[in-house]
Protein backbone atom coordinates (compact mmCIF):
# COMPACT_ATOMS: atom_id res chain seq x y z
CA MET A 1 0.27 0.11 0.26
CA LEU A 2 2.76 2.36 0.73
CA ALA A 3 4.69 1.31 -2.36
CA PHE A 4 1.51 2.35 -4.40
CA ALA A 5 1.12 5.44 -2.48
CA GLY A 6 4.71 6.55 -3.26
CA LEU A 7 4.00 5.66 -7.00
CA ALA A 8 0.99 7.92 -6.97
CA TYR A 9 2.47 10.62 -5.11
CA SER A 10 5.62 10.76 -7.77
CA LEU A 11 3.21 10.54 -11.00
CA PHE A 12 0.63 12.89 -9.51
CA PRO A 13 -0.60 15.13 -11.97
CA TYR A 14 -0.09 12.91 -14.81
CA VAL A 15 -2.43 9.85 -15.59
CA VAL A 16 -0.50 8.97 -18.44
CA MET A 17 3.14 9.70 -18.07
CA GLU A 18 4.16 12.64 -19.66
CA ARG A 19 1.29 12.66 -22.15
CA MET A 20 -2.04 13.74 -20.25
CA THR A 21 -2.73 15.36 -16.60
CA ILE A 22 -5.77 14.35 -14.43
CA TRP A 23 -7.10 17.86 -15.84
CA GLU A 24 -7.15 16.79 -19.37
CA GLY A 25 -8.41 13.51 -18.69
CA ALA A 26 -11.33 14.49 -16.44
CA SER A 27 -14.97 14.96 -17.75
CA HIS A 28 -16.88 18.16 -18.40
CA PRO A 29 -17.99 19.42 -15.21
CA SER A 30 -21.87 18.92 -16.48
CA ALA A 31 -21.27 15.26 -17.00
CA LEU A 32 -19.56 14.65 -13.43
CA LYS A 33 -22.49 16.81 -11.73
CA PHE A 34 -24.90 14.48 -13.53
CA VAL A 35 -22.84 11.29 -12.20
CA LEU A 36 -23.00 12.84 -8.82
CA VAL A 37 -26.74 13.16 -8.57
CA GLY A 38 -26.83 9.59 -9.68
CA VAL A 39 -24.77 8.33 -7.19
CA ALA A 40 -26.45 10.38 -4.62
CA ILE A 41 -29.86 8.67 -5.31
CA VAL A 42 -28.84 4.96 -5.81
CA LEU A 43 -25.67 4.78 -3.00
CA PRO A 44 -28.55 5.03 -0.16
CA PHE A 45 -30.55 2.33 -1.38
CA LEU A 46 -27.50 0.18 -2.06
CA ILE A 47 -26.34 0.68 1.48
CA ALA A 48 -29.79 0.17 2.78
CA TYR A 49 -30.53 -3.14 0.87
CA THR A 50 -27.04 -4.48 2.01
CA ALA A 51 -28.12 -3.63 5.51
CA PHE A 52 -31.29 -5.35 5.05
CA ALA A 53 -29.69 -8.46 3.37
CA TYR A 54 -27.37 -8.73 6.60
CA ARG A 55 -30.03 -8.70 8.90
CA VAL A 56 -32.00 -11.07 7.27
CA PHE A 57 -29.40 -13.48 7.06
CA ARG A 58 -27.53 -13.04 10.14
CA GLY A 59 -27.35 -16.25 12.71
CA LYS A 60 -28.64 -18.66 9.89
CA ALA A 61 -25.56 -20.53 9.66
CA ARG A 62 -23.65 -22.31 12.58
CA ALA A 63 -20.02 -22.82 12.55
CA GLY A 64 -20.39 -26.73 13.51
CA LEU A 65 -22.91 -27.34 10.85
CA TYR A 66 -20.78 -28.18 7.91
CA GLU A 67 -17.91 -29.71 9.36
């Protein structure tokens, strides 16, 4: 993890070495806002469904059952 962080820090502004920066590779701000709205709508449902599924299936399997 530390090696990856060091590599990312050393290449920071470039996505493709010496060719394209982060800002050149980013989408248009209106497209990023559209994606942000979509994530803001879908993410709470995803988290709620995950919590619901965890609640439904908790305690169903026992440790010694499959040995």
